Amino acid sequence: MPTITAFESSPDRGKGHARDMRVRWALEEVGQPYDVRLVSFAAMKQPAHRALHPFGQIPTYEDGDLALFESGAIVLHIAERHDGLLPMDANARSRAIAWMFAALSTMEPPIVDLTMAMLFERDRSWHAERLPSLQERVRIRLSELSRRLGKADWLDGAFSAGDLMMVTVLRRLNTSGLLDEYPDIAAYVARGEARPAFRRAFEAQRAVFTAASRS
């Protein structure tokens, strides 16, 4: 049974934005049981954890003699070894993987820049001036994604690991108001969140925050 690491006390306050959520969701989609080892912020910077993740982050993934870091690499590993997250057709499989990379490399950077500014830079003198440019960068990407998605339920035929990664990235905008400007993308995110595997992963992650809050 694989073991993943997650925050002992998640900074997202149980909203399902921490990146172990992607790995939990992938494991739930393929029906693979897993263990979770919770780590504190201090423990993440210690040699034992850095041996698994050189940058001192989460998640990590251990299965037998294999240890992986980076959520995208872990999800791809899971998808390649279990049915359900990558198509059987070789070309469709490659396209699904391309969408995984698009989620992480094209969509996520401007979204993270915006959300970090909204969370941590509100008291800076230049926040009001910088915010519109950050929002515009995200709108450009959302417009491009909207044109590609069109009226389809998923990015390329059936639900795949590409959709899983894209939905987890887009969820970071849930409180920004930007998704309201793109009803098709908002509906796409909602379809992902409605999947039973997502709900199981979300509740498992939220339970960690709830337990930490009570202690």
N, C-alpha and C. Protein backbone atom coordinates (compact mmCIF):
# COMPACT_ATOMS: atom_id res chain seq x y z
N MET A 1 0.85 -1.19 0.00
CA MET A 1 0.00 0.00 0.00
C MET A 1 0.88 1.24 0.00
N PRO A 2 0.69 2.17 -0.92
CA PRO A 2 1.51 3.38 -0.95
C PRO A 2 1.22 4.29 0.24
N THR A 3 2.22 5.07 0.59
CA THR A 3 2.08 6.07 1.65
C THR A 3 2.38 7.44 1.07
N ILE A 4 1.51 8.40 1.34
CA ILE A 4 1.74 9.77 0.91
C ILE A 4 1.91 10.65 2.15
N THR A 5 2.54 11.80 1.96
CA THR A 5 2.65 12.75 3.05
C THR A 5 1.71 13.92 2.81
N ALA A 6 1.26 14.51 3.91
CA ALA A 6 0.36 15.66 3.86
C ALA A 6 0.66 16.55 5.05
N PHE A 7 0.15 17.78 4.98
CA PHE A 7 0.34 18.72 6.08
C PHE A 7 -0.32 18.20 7.36
N GLU A 8 0.39 18.30 8.46
CA GLU A 8 -0.20 18.01 9.77
C GLU A 8 -1.26 19.05 10.10
N SER A 9 -0.99 20.29 9.71
CA SER A 9 -1.92 21.39 9.90
C SER A 9 -1.93 22.21 8.61
N SER A 10 -2.91 21.98 7.75
CA SER A 10 -2.90 22.55 6.42
C SER A 10 -3.15 24.05 6.44
N PRO A 11 -2.34 24.83 5.73
CA PRO A 11 -2.57 26.28 5.67
C PRO A 11 -3.81 26.66 4.88
N ASP A 12 -4.40 25.72 4.14
CA ASP A 12 -5.60 26.08 3.36
C ASP A 12 -6.89 25.95 4.18
N ARG A 13 -6.74 25.57 5.46
CA ARG A 13 -7.88 25.50 6.38
C ARG A 13 -8.96 24.55 5.88
N GLY A 14 -8.55 23.42 5.35
CA GLY A 14 -9.49 22.38 4.96
C GLY A 14 -10.25 22.63 3.68
N LYS A 15 -9.73 23.52 2.81
CA LYS A 15 -10.43 23.83 1.56
C LYS A 15 -10.03 22.94 0.39
N GLY A 16 -9.09 22.03 0.63
CA GLY A 16 -8.70 21.09 -0.43
C GLY A 16 -7.77 21.67 -1.47
N HIS A 17 -6.99 22.69 -1.11
CA HIS A 17 -6.06 23.28 -2.07
C HIS A 17 -4.64 22.74 -1.93
N ALA A 18 -4.29 22.17 -0.79
CA ALA A 18 -2.95 21.62 -0.63
C ALA A 18 -2.75 20.51 -1.66
N ARG A 19 -1.52 20.37 -2.15
CA ARG A 19 -1.29 19.54 -3.32
C ARG A 19 -1.39 18.03 -3.07
N ASP A 20 -1.45 17.62 -1.80
CA ASP A 20 -1.74 16.20 -1.58
C ASP A 20 -3.15 15.85 -2.04
N MET A 21 -4.02 16.87 -2.18
CA MET A 21 -5.38 16.64 -2.66
C MET A 21 -5.37 15.98 -4.03
N ARG A 22 -4.46 16.39 -4.90
CA ARG A 22 -4.39 15.81 -6.24
C ARG A 22 -4.06 14.32 -6.18
N VAL A 23 -3.13 13.99 -5.31
CA VAL A 23 -2.71 12.59 -5.18
C VAL A 23 -3.82 11.77 -4.55
N ARG A 24 -4.44 12.29 -3.50
CA ARG A 24 -5.57 11.59 -2.88
C ARG A 24 -6.65 11.31 -3.92
N TRP A 25 -6.99 12.33 -4.71
CA TRP A 25 -8.05 12.19 -5.71
C TRP A 25 -7.68 11.12 -6.73
N ALA A 26 -6.46 11.14 -7.21
CA ALA A 26 -6.04 10.14 -8.19
C ALA A 26 -6.14 8.73 -7.61
N LEU A 27 -5.69 8.55 -6.39
CA LEU A 27 -5.76 7.23 -5.76
C LEU A 27 -7.21 6.79 -5.56
N GLU A 28 -8.08 7.73 -5.21
CA GLU A 28 -9.50 7.40 -5.06
C GLU A 28 -10.13 7.03 -6.40
N GLU A 29 -9.75 7.74 -7.47
CA GLU A 29 -10.31 7.46 -8.79
C GLU A 29 -9.97 6.04 -9.25
N VAL A 30 -8.78 5.58 -8.95
CA VAL A 30 -8.36 4.25 -9.42
C VAL A 30 -8.65 3.16 -8.40
N GLY A 31 -9.18 3.53 -7.24
CA GLY A 31 -9.53 2.53 -6.23
C GLY A 31 -8.34 1.94 -5.51
N GLN A 32 -7.27 2.72 -5.36
CA GLN A 32 -6.06 2.24 -4.69
C GLN A 32 -6.03 2.72 -3.24
N PRO A 33 -6.11 1.80 -2.27
CA PRO A 33 -5.98 2.23 -0.86
C PRO A 33 -4.60 2.83 -0.62
N TYR A 34 -4.52 3.69 0.37
CA TYR A 34 -3.25 4.35 0.66
C TYR A 34 -3.20 4.77 2.12
N ASP A 35 -2.01 4.95 2.61
CA ASP A 35 -1.78 5.49 3.94
C ASP A 35 -1.33 6.93 3.82
N VAL A 36 -1.54 7.70 4.87
CA VAL A 36 -1.11 9.10 4.91
C VAL A 36 -0.24 9.29 6.15
N ARG A 37 0.93 9.88 5.95
CA ARG A 37 1.79 10.26 7.06
C ARG A 37 1.79 11.78 7.14
N LEU A 38 1.30 12.29 8.25
CA LEU A 38 1.20 13.74 8.43
C LEU A 38 2.54 14.28 8.92
N VAL A 39 2.94 15.42 8.36
CA VAL A 39 4.21 16.03 8.74
C VAL A 39 3.99 17.50 9.11
N SER A 40 4.71 17.94 10.10
CA SER A 40 4.66 19.34 10.52
C SER A 40 5.54 20.18 9.60
N PHE A 41 5.40 21.49 9.70
CA PHE A 41 6.25 22.38 8.90
C PHE A 41 7.71 22.21 9.29
N ALA A 42 7.96 22.00 10.58
CA ALA A 42 9.34 21.80 11.02
C ALA A 42 9.91 20.50 10.48
N ALA A 43 9.11 19.43 10.53
CA ALA A 43 9.59 18.13 10.06
C ALA A 43 9.85 18.13 8.56
N MET A 44 9.11 18.96 7.81
CA MET A 44 9.31 19.02 6.36
C MET A 44 10.70 19.52 5.99
N LYS A 45 11.33 20.24 6.88
CA LYS A 45 12.65 20.81 6.58
C LYS A 45 13.80 19.95 7.14
N GLN A 46 13.46 18.85 7.78
CA GLN A 46 14.48 17.98 8.35
C GLN A 46 15.05 17.03 7.30
N PRO A 47 16.27 16.53 7.53
CA PRO A 47 16.92 15.65 6.55
C PRO A 47 16.08 14.44 6.14
N ALA A 48 15.35 13.85 7.09
CA ALA A 48 14.58 12.65 6.76
C ALA A 48 13.54 12.95 5.69
N HIS A 49 12.86 14.08 5.80
CA HIS A 49 11.85 14.42 4.79
C HIS A 49 12.51 14.93 3.52
N ARG A 50 13.58 15.70 3.65
CA ARG A 50 14.26 16.20 2.46
C ARG A 50 14.87 15.07 1.63
N ALA A 51 15.11 13.93 2.25
CA ALA A 51 15.57 12.78 1.48
C ALA A 51 14.50 12.30 0.52
N LEU A 52 13.24 12.57 0.86
CA LEU A 52 12.11 12.22 -0.01
C LEU A 52 11.76 13.38 -0.94
N HIS A 53 11.81 14.58 -0.41
CA HIS A 53 11.46 15.77 -1.18
C HIS A 53 12.55 16.81 -0.97
N PRO A 54 13.44 16.99 -1.94
CA PRO A 54 14.59 17.87 -1.73
C PRO A 54 14.23 19.31 -1.44
N PHE A 55 13.02 19.74 -1.76
CA PHE A 55 12.61 21.12 -1.53
C PHE A 55 11.80 21.28 -0.24
N GLY A 56 11.66 20.19 0.52
CA GLY A 56 11.01 20.27 1.81
C GLY A 56 9.54 20.61 1.75
N GLN A 57 8.82 20.01 0.77
CA GLN A 57 7.40 20.27 0.58
C GLN A 57 6.61 18.96 0.70
N ILE A 58 5.32 19.06 0.51
CA ILE A 58 4.46 17.88 0.36
C ILE A 58 3.74 18.01 -0.97
N PRO A 59 3.26 16.92 -1.57
CA PRO A 59 3.27 15.57 -1.04
C PRO A 59 4.51 14.80 -1.49
N THR A 60 4.73 13.68 -0.81
CA THR A 60 5.64 12.66 -1.31
C THR A 60 4.85 11.37 -1.43
N TYR A 61 5.45 10.42 -2.12
CA TYR A 61 4.78 9.14 -2.39
C TYR A 61 5.82 8.04 -2.25
N GLU A 62 5.51 7.04 -1.43
CA GLU A 62 6.40 5.90 -1.24
C GLU A 62 5.62 4.62 -1.47
N ASP A 63 6.19 3.75 -2.28
CA ASP A 63 5.57 2.45 -2.55
C ASP A 63 6.70 1.45 -2.79
N GLY A 64 6.95 0.60 -1.80
CA GLY A 64 8.08 -0.31 -1.91
C GLY A 64 9.38 0.46 -1.92
N ASP A 65 10.20 0.20 -2.94
CA ASP A 65 11.48 0.89 -3.02
C ASP A 65 11.41 2.16 -3.88
N LEU A 66 10.21 2.59 -4.25
CA LEU A 66 10.03 3.80 -5.04
C LEU A 66 9.62 4.96 -4.15
N ALA A 67 10.30 6.08 -4.27
CA ALA A 67 9.92 7.32 -3.59
C ALA A 67 9.84 8.42 -4.64
N LEU A 68 8.74 9.16 -4.64
CA LEU A 68 8.52 10.23 -5.61
C LEU A 68 8.14 11.52 -4.88
N PHE A 69 8.43 12.65 -5.52
CA PHE A 69 7.94 13.94 -5.08
C PHE A 69 7.38 14.66 -6.30
N GLU A 70 6.71 15.78 -6.05
CA GLU A 70 5.99 16.57 -7.05
C GLU A 70 4.65 15.91 -7.40
N SER A 71 3.57 16.65 -7.14
CA SER A 71 2.23 16.08 -7.30
C SER A 71 1.96 15.61 -8.73
N GLY A 72 2.44 16.36 -9.74
CA GLY A 72 2.20 15.95 -11.12
C GLY A 72 2.87 14.64 -11.45
N ALA A 73 4.10 14.46 -11.00
CA ALA A 73 4.82 13.21 -11.24
C ALA A 73 4.14 12.05 -10.54
N ILE A 74 3.65 12.29 -9.34
CA ILE A 74 2.98 11.23 -8.58
C ILE A 74 1.67 10.83 -9.26
N VAL A 75 0.88 11.82 -9.66
CA VAL A 75 -0.39 11.51 -10.33
C VAL A 75 -0.13 10.77 -11.64
N LEU A 76 0.88 11.18 -12.39
CA LEU A 76 1.19 10.48 -13.64
C LEU A 76 1.60 9.04 -13.35
N HIS A 77 2.39 8.82 -12.33
CA HIS A 77 2.79 7.46 -11.95
C HIS A 77 1.56 6.61 -11.63
N ILE A 78 0.65 7.16 -10.85
CA ILE A 78 -0.58 6.42 -10.51
C ILE A 78 -1.39 6.13 -11.76
N ALA A 79 -1.54 7.14 -12.62
CA ALA A 79 -2.36 6.98 -13.83
C ALA A 79 -1.78 5.96 -14.78
N GLU A 80 -0.46 5.86 -14.84
CA GLU A 80 0.18 4.92 -15.74
C GLU A 80 0.09 3.48 -15.25
N ARG A 81 -0.15 3.30 -13.98
CA ARG A 81 -0.14 1.95 -13.40
C ARG A 81 -1.51 1.43 -13.03
N HIS A 82 -2.53 2.23 -13.22
CA HIS A 82 -3.90 1.82 -12.91
C HIS A 82 -4.83 2.29 -14.03
N ASP A 83 -5.86 1.53 -14.29
CA ASP A 83 -6.86 1.93 -15.27
C ASP A 83 -7.71 3.06 -14.70
N GLY A 84 -8.18 3.93 -15.60
CA GLY A 84 -9.18 4.92 -15.21
C GLY A 84 -8.78 6.37 -15.37
N LEU A 85 -7.49 6.66 -15.46
CA LEU A 85 -7.08 8.06 -15.55
C LEU A 85 -6.39 8.42 -16.86
N LEU A 86 -6.02 7.43 -17.65
CA LEU A 86 -5.44 7.68 -18.97
C LEU A 86 -6.14 6.79 -19.99
N PRO A 87 -6.45 7.34 -21.17
CA PRO A 87 -7.10 6.53 -22.20
C PRO A 87 -6.22 5.40 -22.68
N MET A 88 -6.84 4.38 -23.26
CA MET A 88 -6.09 3.27 -23.82
C MET A 88 -5.46 3.65 -25.15
N ASP A 89 -6.16 4.46 -25.95
CA ASP A 89 -5.63 4.90 -27.23
C ASP A 89 -4.36 5.71 -27.02
N ALA A 90 -3.30 5.40 -27.75
CA ALA A 90 -2.00 6.02 -27.52
C ALA A 90 -2.03 7.54 -27.72
N ASN A 91 -2.69 7.99 -28.78
CA ASN A 91 -2.73 9.43 -29.04
C ASN A 91 -3.54 10.17 -27.97
N ALA A 92 -4.68 9.59 -27.61
CA ALA A 92 -5.50 10.21 -26.56
C ALA A 92 -4.76 10.22 -25.23
N ARG A 93 -4.00 9.17 -24.99
CA ARG A 93 -3.20 9.09 -23.76
C ARG A 93 -2.17 10.22 -23.72
N SER A 94 -1.52 10.44 -24.83
CA SER A 94 -0.52 11.52 -24.90
C SER A 94 -1.17 12.89 -24.72
N ARG A 95 -2.37 13.05 -25.29
CA ARG A 95 -3.06 14.34 -25.13
C ARG A 95 -3.45 14.57 -23.67
N ALA A 96 -3.88 13.51 -22.99
CA ALA A 96 -4.23 13.65 -21.57
C ALA A 96 -3.02 14.08 -20.75
N ILE A 97 -1.87 13.50 -21.05
CA ILE A 97 -0.65 13.89 -20.35
C ILE A 97 -0.28 15.33 -20.68
N ALA A 98 -0.50 15.73 -21.93
CA ALA A 98 -0.24 17.12 -22.30
C ALA A 98 -1.09 18.08 -21.48
N TRP A 99 -2.35 17.71 -21.22
CA TRP A 99 -3.21 18.56 -20.41
C TRP A 99 -2.74 18.61 -18.96
N MET A 100 -2.14 17.54 -18.47
CA MET A 100 -1.55 17.58 -17.14
C MET A 100 -0.46 18.65 -17.09
N PHE A 101 0.41 18.64 -18.09
CA PHE A 101 1.48 19.63 -18.15
C PHE A 101 0.91 21.04 -18.32
N ALA A 102 -0.14 21.17 -19.11
CA ALA A 102 -0.74 22.49 -19.31
C ALA A 102 -1.30 23.03 -18.00
N ALA A 103 -1.92 22.17 -17.23
CA ALA A 103 -2.47 22.61 -15.94
C ALA A 103 -1.37 23.15 -15.03
N LEU A 104 -0.25 22.43 -14.98
CA LEU A 104 0.83 22.79 -14.05
C LEU A 104 1.73 23.90 -14.58
N SER A 105 1.97 23.91 -15.89
CA SER A 105 2.96 24.83 -16.44
C SER A 105 2.35 26.11 -17.02
N THR A 106 1.13 26.03 -17.53
CA THR A 106 0.52 27.18 -18.18
C THR A 106 -0.54 27.85 -17.31
N MET A 107 -1.41 27.04 -16.70
CA MET A 107 -2.50 27.60 -15.92
C MET A 107 -2.11 27.95 -14.49
N GLU A 108 -1.36 27.07 -13.85
CA GLU A 108 -1.13 27.26 -12.41
C GLU A 108 -0.26 28.47 -12.06
N PRO A 109 0.83 28.77 -12.78
CA PRO A 109 1.68 29.89 -12.33
C PRO A 109 0.94 31.23 -12.18
N PRO A 110 0.17 31.70 -13.17
CA PRO A 110 -0.51 32.98 -12.95
C PRO A 110 -1.60 32.90 -11.89
N ILE A 111 -2.22 31.73 -11.74
CA ILE A 111 -3.25 31.57 -10.71
C ILE A 111 -2.63 31.63 -9.32
N VAL A 112 -1.51 30.96 -9.14
CA VAL A 112 -0.83 31.00 -7.85
C VAL A 112 -0.34 32.42 -7.54
N ASP A 113 0.21 33.10 -8.54
CA ASP A 113 0.66 34.48 -8.33
C ASP A 113 -0.50 35.36 -7.83
N LEU A 114 -1.66 35.18 -8.45
CA LEU A 114 -2.82 35.99 -8.06
C LEU A 114 -3.28 35.63 -6.65
N THR A 115 -3.44 34.35 -6.38
CA THR A 115 -3.96 33.95 -5.07
C THR A 115 -2.99 34.31 -3.95
N MET A 116 -1.70 34.20 -4.19
CA MET A 116 -0.73 34.59 -3.17
C MET A 116 -0.79 36.09 -2.90
N ALA A 117 -0.97 36.87 -3.96
CA ALA A 117 -1.09 38.32 -3.79
C ALA A 117 -2.34 38.68 -2.99
N MET A 118 -3.42 37.98 -3.27
CA MET A 118 -4.67 38.25 -2.55
C MET A 118 -4.57 37.86 -1.09
N LEU A 119 -3.79 36.84 -0.80
CA LEU A 119 -3.68 36.36 0.58
C LEU A 119 -2.66 37.13 1.40
N PHE A 120 -1.52 37.44 0.78
CA PHE A 120 -0.38 37.90 1.57
C PHE A 120 0.11 39.31 1.25
N GLU A 121 -0.48 39.96 0.25
CA GLU A 121 0.05 41.27 -0.13
C GLU A 121 -0.97 42.40 0.01
N ARG A 122 -2.06 42.15 0.65
CA ARG A 122 -3.11 43.16 0.73
C ARG A 122 -2.66 44.42 1.45
N ASP A 123 -1.72 44.29 2.37
CA ASP A 123 -1.29 45.45 3.14
C ASP A 123 -0.11 46.18 2.50
N ARG A 124 0.32 45.74 1.32
CA ARG A 124 1.44 46.40 0.65
C ARG A 124 0.94 47.63 -0.12
N SER A 125 1.77 48.64 -0.18
CA SER A 125 1.35 49.89 -0.82
C SER A 125 1.07 49.73 -2.30
N TRP A 126 1.70 48.74 -2.93
CA TRP A 126 1.55 48.56 -4.37
C TRP A 126 0.52 47.49 -4.72
N HIS A 127 -0.19 46.97 -3.73
CA HIS A 127 -1.12 45.86 -3.99
C HIS A 127 -2.22 46.26 -4.98
N ALA A 128 -2.86 47.40 -4.74
CA ALA A 128 -3.98 47.82 -5.59
C ALA A 128 -3.54 48.05 -7.02
N GLU A 129 -2.32 48.51 -7.19
CA GLU A 129 -1.82 48.76 -8.54
C GLU A 129 -1.45 47.47 -9.26
N ARG A 130 -0.93 46.51 -8.52
CA ARG A 130 -0.46 45.26 -9.12
C ARG A 130 -1.60 44.27 -9.40
N LEU A 131 -2.64 44.31 -8.58
CA LEU A 131 -3.69 43.30 -8.66
C LEU A 131 -4.36 43.22 -10.03
N PRO A 132 -4.73 44.33 -10.68
CA PRO A 132 -5.38 44.22 -11.99
C PRO A 132 -4.54 43.49 -13.03
N SER A 133 -3.23 43.69 -13.02
CA SER A 133 -2.39 43.00 -14.00
C SER A 133 -2.34 41.51 -13.73
N LEU A 134 -2.33 41.11 -12.46
CA LEU A 134 -2.36 39.69 -12.12
C LEU A 134 -3.69 39.07 -12.55
N GLN A 135 -4.77 39.78 -12.32
CA GLN A 135 -6.09 39.29 -12.72
C GLN A 135 -6.19 39.15 -14.23
N GLU A 136 -5.62 40.09 -14.96
CA GLU A 136 -5.68 40.04 -16.41
C GLU A 136 -4.91 38.84 -16.96
N ARG A 137 -3.77 38.53 -16.37
CA ARG A 137 -3.01 37.35 -16.80
C ARG A 137 -3.85 36.09 -16.64
N VAL A 138 -4.58 36.00 -15.55
CA VAL A 138 -5.43 34.84 -15.33
C VAL A 138 -6.59 34.83 -16.31
N ARG A 139 -7.20 36.00 -16.55
CA ARG A 139 -8.32 36.06 -17.50
C ARG A 139 -7.89 35.61 -18.90
N ILE A 140 -6.70 35.97 -19.30
CA ILE A 140 -6.22 35.54 -20.63
C ILE A 140 -6.20 34.02 -20.70
N ARG A 141 -5.67 33.38 -19.69
CA ARG A 141 -5.60 31.92 -19.69
C ARG A 141 -6.99 31.30 -19.60
N LEU A 142 -7.86 31.88 -18.80
CA LEU A 142 -9.22 31.35 -18.68
C LEU A 142 -9.97 31.48 -20.00
N SER A 143 -9.77 32.59 -20.69
CA SER A 143 -10.43 32.78 -21.99
C SER A 143 -9.96 31.74 -23.00
N GLU A 144 -8.66 31.49 -23.00
CA GLU A 144 -8.11 30.48 -23.92
C GLU A 144 -8.62 29.09 -23.58
N LEU A 145 -8.67 28.78 -22.30
CA LEU A 145 -9.18 27.47 -21.88
C LEU A 145 -10.66 27.34 -22.21
N SER A 146 -11.41 28.41 -22.01
CA SER A 146 -12.84 28.39 -22.31
C SER A 146 -13.10 28.11 -23.78
N ARG A 147 -12.32 28.74 -24.66
CA ARG A 147 -12.49 28.49 -26.10
C ARG A 147 -12.21 27.02 -26.43
N ARG A 148 -11.22 26.44 -25.78
CA ARG A 148 -10.88 25.04 -26.05
C ARG A 148 -11.93 24.10 -25.49
N LEU A 149 -12.43 24.37 -24.31
CA LEU A 149 -13.42 23.49 -23.67
C LEU A 149 -14.74 23.52 -24.41
N GLY A 150 -15.19 24.70 -24.80
CA GLY A 150 -16.46 24.81 -25.50
C GLY A 150 -17.60 24.26 -24.67
N LYS A 151 -18.41 23.40 -25.28
CA LYS A 151 -19.55 22.81 -24.59
C LYS A 151 -19.26 21.40 -24.08
N ALA A 152 -18.02 20.98 -24.17
CA ALA A 152 -17.65 19.63 -23.75
C ALA A 152 -17.64 19.51 -22.22
N ASP A 153 -17.87 18.30 -21.75
CA ASP A 153 -17.81 18.07 -20.31
C ASP A 153 -16.36 18.06 -19.82
N TRP A 154 -15.46 17.48 -20.63
CA TRP A 154 -14.07 17.33 -20.23
C TRP A 154 -13.16 17.81 -21.36
N LEU A 155 -11.90 17.91 -21.10
CA LEU A 155 -10.97 18.55 -22.03
C LEU A 155 -10.75 17.77 -23.31
N ASP A 156 -10.79 16.44 -23.23
CA ASP A 156 -10.50 15.64 -24.42
C ASP A 156 -11.23 14.30 -24.33
N GLY A 157 -12.53 14.33 -24.54
CA GLY A 157 -13.30 13.10 -24.43
C GLY A 157 -13.66 12.79 -23.00
N ALA A 158 -13.32 11.58 -22.54
CA ALA A 158 -13.66 11.16 -21.19
C ALA A 158 -12.77 11.84 -20.15
N PHE A 159 -13.23 11.85 -18.93
CA PHE A 159 -12.45 12.37 -17.81
C PHE A 159 -11.10 11.67 -17.75
N SER A 160 -10.04 12.45 -17.49
CA SER A 160 -8.69 11.87 -17.44
C SER A 160 -7.87 12.57 -16.37
N ALA A 161 -6.63 12.12 -16.23
CA ALA A 161 -5.70 12.78 -15.31
C ALA A 161 -5.48 14.25 -15.68
N GLY A 162 -5.63 14.58 -16.96
CA GLY A 162 -5.53 15.98 -17.37
C GLY A 162 -6.61 16.82 -16.73
N ASP A 163 -7.83 16.31 -16.71
CA ASP A 163 -8.93 17.02 -16.06
C ASP A 163 -8.70 17.10 -14.55
N LEU A 164 -8.24 16.02 -13.97
CA LEU A 164 -7.99 16.00 -12.53
C LEU A 164 -7.03 17.12 -12.14
N MET A 165 -5.93 17.24 -12.88
CA MET A 165 -4.96 18.26 -12.56
C MET A 165 -5.52 19.65 -12.84
N MET A 166 -6.24 19.81 -13.94
CA MET A 166 -6.77 21.13 -14.29
C MET A 166 -7.79 21.59 -13.27
N VAL A 167 -8.67 20.72 -12.84
CA VAL A 167 -9.69 21.10 -11.86
C VAL A 167 -9.05 21.52 -10.55
N THR A 168 -8.02 20.78 -10.10
CA THR A 168 -7.39 21.15 -8.83
C THR A 168 -6.71 22.51 -8.93
N VAL A 169 -6.17 22.83 -10.09
CA VAL A 169 -5.56 24.15 -10.28
C VAL A 169 -6.63 25.24 -10.30
N LEU A 170 -7.69 25.03 -11.06
CA LEU A 170 -8.74 26.04 -11.19
C LEU A 170 -9.48 26.29 -9.89
N ARG A 171 -9.56 25.29 -9.02
CA ARG A 171 -10.27 25.46 -7.75
C ARG A 171 -9.67 26.57 -6.90
N ARG A 172 -8.41 26.89 -7.13
CA ARG A 172 -7.78 27.96 -6.37
C ARG A 172 -8.47 29.31 -6.62
N LEU A 173 -9.24 29.40 -7.70
CA LEU A 173 -9.93 30.64 -8.03
C LEU A 173 -11.34 30.71 -7.46
N ASN A 174 -11.75 29.71 -6.68
CA ASN A 174 -13.14 29.65 -6.22
C ASN A 174 -13.58 30.89 -5.46
N THR A 175 -12.68 31.53 -4.74
CA THR A 175 -13.07 32.70 -3.95
C THR A 175 -12.64 34.01 -4.61
N SER A 176 -12.10 33.94 -5.82
CA SER A 176 -11.60 35.14 -6.48
C SER A 176 -12.68 35.91 -7.24
N GLY A 177 -13.77 35.23 -7.59
CA GLY A 177 -14.80 35.84 -8.42
C GLY A 177 -14.55 35.70 -9.90
N LEU A 178 -13.35 35.30 -10.31
CA LEU A 178 -13.02 35.23 -11.73
C LEU A 178 -13.75 34.09 -12.43
N LEU A 179 -13.97 32.99 -11.74
CA LEU A 179 -14.68 31.89 -12.40
C LEU A 179 -16.12 32.27 -12.77
N ASP A 180 -16.69 33.23 -12.04
CA ASP A 180 -18.05 33.67 -12.35
C ASP A 180 -18.12 34.30 -13.74
N GLU A 181 -16.99 34.79 -14.24
CA GLU A 181 -16.95 35.40 -15.57
C GLU A 181 -16.92 34.36 -16.68
N TYR A 182 -16.71 33.09 -16.32
CA TYR A 182 -16.59 32.02 -17.30
C TYR A 182 -17.47 30.86 -16.85
N PRO A 183 -18.78 30.94 -17.11
CA PRO A 183 -19.71 29.92 -16.61
C PRO A 183 -19.36 28.51 -17.07
N ASP A 184 -18.81 28.39 -18.28
CA ASP A 184 -18.46 27.05 -18.76
C ASP A 184 -17.34 26.44 -17.93
N ILE A 185 -16.37 27.26 -17.54
CA ILE A 185 -15.27 26.76 -16.71
C ILE A 185 -15.76 26.50 -15.29
N ALA A 186 -16.60 27.37 -14.78
CA ALA A 186 -17.17 27.14 -13.45
C ALA A 186 -17.93 25.82 -13.40
N ALA A 187 -18.69 25.54 -14.47
CA ALA A 187 -19.43 24.28 -14.53
C ALA A 187 -18.49 23.09 -14.65
N TYR A 188 -17.40 23.27 -15.38
CA TYR A 188 -16.37 22.23 -15.52
C TYR A 188 -15.77 21.89 -14.16
N VAL A 189 -15.42 22.91 -13.40
CA VAL A 189 -14.87 22.68 -12.06
C VAL A 189 -15.90 21.97 -11.19
N ALA A 190 -17.15 22.40 -11.27
CA ALA A 190 -18.21 21.78 -10.46
C ALA A 190 -18.38 20.31 -10.81
N ARG A 191 -18.25 19.96 -12.10
CA ARG A 191 -18.35 18.54 -12.48
C ARG A 191 -17.23 17.73 -11.85
N GLY A 192 -16.03 18.31 -11.83
CA GLY A 192 -14.94 17.61 -11.19
C GLY A 192 -15.18 17.42 -9.70
N GLU A 193 -15.65 18.47 -9.04
CA GLU A 193 -15.90 18.41 -7.60
C GLU A 193 -17.05 17.48 -7.25
N ALA A 194 -17.92 17.20 -8.21
CA ALA A 194 -19.06 16.31 -7.95
C ALA A 194 -18.70 14.84 -8.07
N ARG A 195 -17.54 14.53 -8.61
CA ARG A 195 -17.16 13.13 -8.75
C ARG A 195 -16.99 12.49 -7.37
N PRO A 196 -17.53 11.28 -7.19
CA PRO A 196 -17.43 10.63 -5.88
C PRO A 196 -16.00 10.50 -5.37
N ALA A 197 -15.05 10.23 -6.27
CA ALA A 197 -13.66 10.10 -5.84
C ALA A 197 -13.12 11.43 -5.31
N PHE A 198 -13.52 12.53 -5.94
CA PHE A 198 -13.11 13.84 -5.43
C PHE A 198 -13.68 14.06 -4.04
N ARG A 199 -14.96 13.74 -3.86
CA ARG A 199 -15.59 13.98 -2.57
C ARG A 199 -14.90 13.17 -1.47
N ARG A 200 -14.55 11.92 -1.78
CA ARG A 200 -13.86 11.11 -0.77
C ARG A 200 -12.51 11.71 -0.41
N ALA A 201 -11.76 12.14 -1.43
CA ALA A 201 -10.45 12.74 -1.19
C ALA A 201 -10.59 14.04 -0.41
N PHE A 202 -11.56 14.85 -0.77
CA PHE A 202 -11.76 16.14 -0.10
C PHE A 202 -12.11 15.94 1.37
N GLU A 203 -13.02 15.01 1.64
CA GLU A 203 -13.42 14.78 3.03
C GLU A 203 -12.26 14.22 3.85
N ALA A 204 -11.43 13.38 3.22
CA ALA A 204 -10.28 12.83 3.94
C ALA A 204 -9.29 13.93 4.29
N GLN A 205 -9.06 14.84 3.35
CA GLN A 205 -8.13 15.93 3.64
C GLN A 205 -8.72 16.89 4.67
N ARG A 206 -10.00 17.21 4.53
CA ARG A 206 -10.62 18.13 5.48
C ARG A 206 -10.65 17.57 6.89
N ALA A 207 -10.78 16.24 7.00
CA ALA A 207 -10.81 15.62 8.32
C ALA A 207 -9.52 15.86 9.08
N VAL A 208 -8.40 15.96 8.37
CA VAL A 208 -7.12 16.24 9.02
C VAL A 208 -7.15 17.64 9.63
N PHE A 209 -7.63 18.61 8.87
CA PHE A 209 -7.70 19.98 9.39
C PHE A 209 -8.66 20.07 10.56
N THR A 210 -9.80 19.39 10.45
CA THR A 210 -10.79 19.42 11.54
C THR A 210 -10.21 18.84 12.81
N ALA A 211 -9.51 17.71 12.68
CA ALA A 211 -8.92 17.10 13.86
C ALA A 211 -7.85 18.00 14.48
N ALA A 212 -7.03 18.64 13.63
CA ALA A 212 -5.98 19.53 14.14
C ALA A 212 -6.59 20.73 14.83
N SER A 213 -7.72 21.21 14.34
CA SER A 213 -8.36 22.38 14.94
C SER A 213 -8.92 22.09 16.32
N ARG A 214 -9.30 20.84 16.55
CA ARG A 214 -9.88 20.45 17.83
C ARG A 214 -8.84 20.14 18.88
N SER A 215 -7.61 19.89 18.45
CA SER A 215 -6.57 19.46 19.40
C SER A 215 -5.96 20.66 20.13
